Amino acid sequence: MKKLMVPFMFAMVLGFGMASLSLAAGDTATPSSQTVKGDLLKIDGEYYVVKDMAGKEVRLHVDKTSQLDGTFKAGDKIEAQATDKGHASSIKQAKPKM
């Protein structure tokens, strides 16, 4: 009976360790993203203020990690990929509707 107890305990410890690692890996998932399309109202330091298609003003944080496809100015129609916390991962000129 004692001979079976040691391998059983080892298997339990190993199993719990693997389970906790897999749960921790799920916590590091990429934050969800959203697409923001609209008119660039203004550039305020590291923030772009965009009026989206619903008429809502959205404030996007832009920094050196944001991929900008060109230069932008107020009045431009843009399309941005942003995290749910408002950080712009990429910004490009919006394609005109056909």
C-alpha atoms as a PDB file:
ATOM      1  CA  MET A   1       0.000   0.000   0.000  1.00  0.00           C
ATOM      2  CA  LYS A   2       2.830   2.413   0.864  1.00  0.00           C
ATOM      3  CA  LYS A   3       4.479   1.631  -2.471  1.00  0.00           C
ATOM      4  CA  LEU A   4       1.398   2.920  -4.277  1.00  0.00           C
ATOM      5  CA  MET A   5       1.063   6.028  -2.133  1.00  0.00           C
ATOM      6  CA  VAL A   6       4.284   7.751  -3.318  1.00  0.00           C
ATOM      7  CA  PRO A   7       3.543   7.510  -7.073  1.00  0.00           C
ATOM      8  CA  PHE A   8      -0.055   8.540  -6.424  1.00  0.00           C
ATOM      9  CA  MET A   9       1.059  11.664  -4.503  1.00  0.00           C
ATOM     10  CA  PHE A  10       3.583  12.499  -7.231  1.00  0.00           C
ATOM     11  CA  ALA A  11       0.872  12.231  -9.889  1.00  0.00           C
ATOM     12  CA  MET A  12      -1.438  14.487  -7.861  1.00  0.00           C
ATOM     13  CA  VAL A  13       1.219  17.177  -7.430  1.00  0.00           C
ATOM     14  CA  LEU A  14       2.109  17.005 -11.114  1.00  0.00           C
ATOM     15  CA  GLY A  15      -1.554  17.182 -12.123  1.00  0.00           C
ATOM     16  CA  PHE A  16      -2.273  20.241  -9.989  1.00  0.00           C
ATOM     17  CA  GLY A  17       0.855  21.953 -11.303  1.00  0.00           C
ATOM     18  CA  MET A  18      -0.150  21.419 -14.925  1.00  0.00           C
ATOM     19  CA  ALA A  19      -3.695  22.610 -14.250  1.00  0.00           C
ATOM     20  CA  SER A  20      -2.485  25.847 -12.679  1.00  0.00           C
ATOM     21  CA  LEU A  21      -0.115  26.481 -15.599  1.00  0.00           C
ATOM     22  CA  SER A  22      -2.894  26.061 -18.136  1.00  0.00           C
ATOM     23  CA  LEU A  23      -5.126  28.476 -16.213  1.00  0.00           C
ATOM     24  CA  ALA A  24      -2.325  31.030 -15.998  1.00  0.00           C
ATOM     25  CA  ALA A  25      -1.754  30.791 -19.751  1.00  0.00           C
ATOM     26  CA  GLY A  26      -5.395  31.700 -20.334  1.00  0.00           C
ATOM     27  CA  ASP A  27      -4.999  34.913 -18.329  1.00  0.00           C
ATOM     28  CA  THR A  28      -2.344  36.272 -20.692  1.00  0.00           C
ATOM     29  CA  ALA A  29      -4.620  36.248 -23.713  1.00  0.00           C
ATOM     30  CA  THR A  30      -4.604  39.231 -26.025  1.00  0.00           C
ATOM     31  CA  PRO A  31      -7.046  41.920 -24.969  1.00  0.00           C
ATOM     32  CA  SER A  32     -10.129  42.061 -27.141  1.00  0.00           C
ATOM     33  CA  SER A  33     -10.034  44.615 -29.914  1.00  0.00           C
ATOM     34  CA  GLN A  34     -12.565  46.793 -31.627  1.00  0.00           C
ATOM     35  CA  THR A  35     -12.647  48.688 -34.901  1.00  0.00           C
ATOM     36  CA  VAL A  36     -13.321  52.410 -34.716  1.00  0.00           C
ATOM     37  CA  LYS A  37     -14.255  54.162 -37.973  1.00  0.00           C
ATOM     38  CA  GLY A  38     -15.029  57.843 -38.250  1.00  0.00           C
ATOM     39  CA  ASP A  39     -13.820  61.412 -38.576  1.00  0.00           C
ATOM     40  CA  LEU A  40     -10.670  62.489 -36.755  1.00  0.00           C
ATOM     41  CA  LEU A  41     -11.796  65.543 -34.800  1.00  0.00           C
ATOM     42  CA  LYS A  42      -8.492  66.478 -33.188  1.00  0.00           C
ATOM     43  CA  ILE A  43      -5.105  65.249 -32.055  1.00  0.00           C
ATOM     44  CA  ASP A  44      -4.530  66.089 -28.398  1.00  0.00           C
ATOM     45  CA  GLY A  45      -0.985  65.015 -27.459  1.00  0.00           C
ATOM     46  CA  GLU A  46      -0.969  61.204 -27.421  1.00  0.00           C
ATOM     47  CA  TYR A  47      -4.732  61.033 -27.965  1.00  0.00           C
ATOM     48  CA  TYR A  48      -6.764  61.015 -31.162  1.00  0.00           C
ATOM     49  CA  VAL A  49     -10.391  62.051 -30.757  1.00  0.00           C
ATOM     50  CA  VAL A  50     -12.616  60.356 -33.331  1.00  0.00           C
ATOM     51  CA  LYS A  51     -16.326  60.869 -34.005  1.00  0.00           C
ATOM     52  CA  ASP A  52     -17.521  57.377 -34.895  1.00  0.00           C
ATOM     53  CA  MET A  53     -20.321  56.413 -37.279  1.00  0.00           C
ATOM     54  CA  ALA A  54     -22.873  56.526 -34.430  1.00  0.00           C
ATOM     55  CA  GLY A  55     -21.896  60.121 -33.606  1.00  0.00           C
ATOM     56  CA  LYS A  56     -20.081  59.163 -30.400  1.00  0.00           C
ATOM     57  CA  GLU A  57     -16.696  60.713 -29.599  1.00  0.00           C
ATOM     58  CA  VAL A  58     -14.029  58.075 -28.971  1.00  0.00           C
ATOM     59  CA  ARG A  59     -10.654  58.925 -27.433  1.00  0.00           C
ATOM     60  CA  LEU A  60      -7.804  56.696 -28.625  1.00  0.00           C
ATOM     61  CA  HIS A  61      -4.369  56.548 -27.002  1.00  0.00           C
ATOM     62  CA  VAL A  62      -1.569  56.551 -29.583  1.00  0.00           C
ATOM     63  CA  ASP A  63       2.084  55.868 -28.749  1.00  0.00           C
ATOM     64  CA  LYS A  64       5.216  54.405 -30.335  1.00  0.00           C
ATOM     65  CA  THR A  65       3.682  50.916 -30.299  1.00  0.00           C
ATOM     66  CA  SER A  66       0.745  52.076 -32.454  1.00  0.00           C
ATOM     67  CA  GLN A  67       1.180  51.332 -36.160  1.00  0.00           C
ATOM     68  CA  LEU A  68       0.287  54.459 -38.128  1.00  0.00           C
ATOM     69  CA  ASP A  69      -0.275  54.077 -41.869  1.00  0.00           C
ATOM     70  CA  GLY A  70       0.695  57.633 -42.830  1.00  0.00           C
ATOM     71  CA  THR A  71       0.186  60.976 -41.135  1.00  0.00           C
ATOM     72  CA  PHE A  72      -3.189  62.247 -40.038  1.00  0.00           C
ATOM     73  CA  LYS A  73      -4.851  65.592 -39.424  1.00  0.00           C
ATOM     74  CA  ALA A  74      -8.221  66.774 -38.165  1.00  0.00           C
ATOM     75  CA  GLY A  75     -10.946  66.052 -40.711  1.00  0.00           C
ATOM     76  CA  ASP A  76      -9.427  62.800 -42.002  1.00  0.00           C
ATOM     77  CA  LYS A  77     -11.627  59.714 -42.149  1.00  0.00           C
ATOM     78  CA  ILE A  78      -9.791  56.952 -40.301  1.00  0.00           C
ATOM     79  CA  GLU A  79     -10.148  53.326 -39.299  1.00  0.00           C
ATOM     80  CA  ALA A  80      -8.447  52.230 -36.084  1.00  0.00           C
ATOM     81  CA  GLN A  81      -7.976  48.914 -34.325  1.00  0.00           C
ATOM     82  CA  ALA A  82      -8.086  49.559 -30.599  1.00  0.00           C
ATOM     83  CA  THR A  83      -8.115  47.568 -27.379  1.00  0.00           C
ATOM     84  CA  ASP A  84     -11.163  47.651 -25.152  1.00  0.00           C
ATOM     85  CA  LYS A  85      -9.200  50.077 -22.953  1.00  0.00           C
ATOM     86  CA  GLY A  86      -8.817  52.585 -25.806  1.00  0.00           C
ATOM     87  CA  HIS A  87      -5.232  52.002 -26.945  1.00  0.00           C
ATOM     88  CA  ALA A  88      -4.879  52.214 -30.736  1.00  0.00           C
ATOM     89  CA  SER A  89      -2.847  49.310 -32.088  1.00  0.00           C
ATOM     90  CA  SER A  90      -3.153  50.549 -35.693  1.00  0.00           C
ATOM     91  CA  ILE A  91      -4.635  53.493 -37.573  1.00  0.00           C
ATOM     92  CA  LYS A  92      -5.111  53.878 -41.319  1.00  0.00           C
ATOM     93  CA  GLN A  93      -7.108  55.993 -43.748  1.00  0.00           C
ATOM     94  CA  ALA A  94     -10.687  54.703 -43.979  1.00  0.00           C
ATOM     95  CA  LYS A  95     -11.714  53.275 -47.323  1.00  0.00           C
ATOM     96  CA  PRO A  96     -14.555  55.220 -48.930  1.00  0.00           C
ATOM     97  CA  LYS A  97     -17.951  53.503 -49.077  1.00  0.00           C
ATOM     98  CA  MET A  98     -18.933  52.138 -52.475  1.00  0.00           C
END
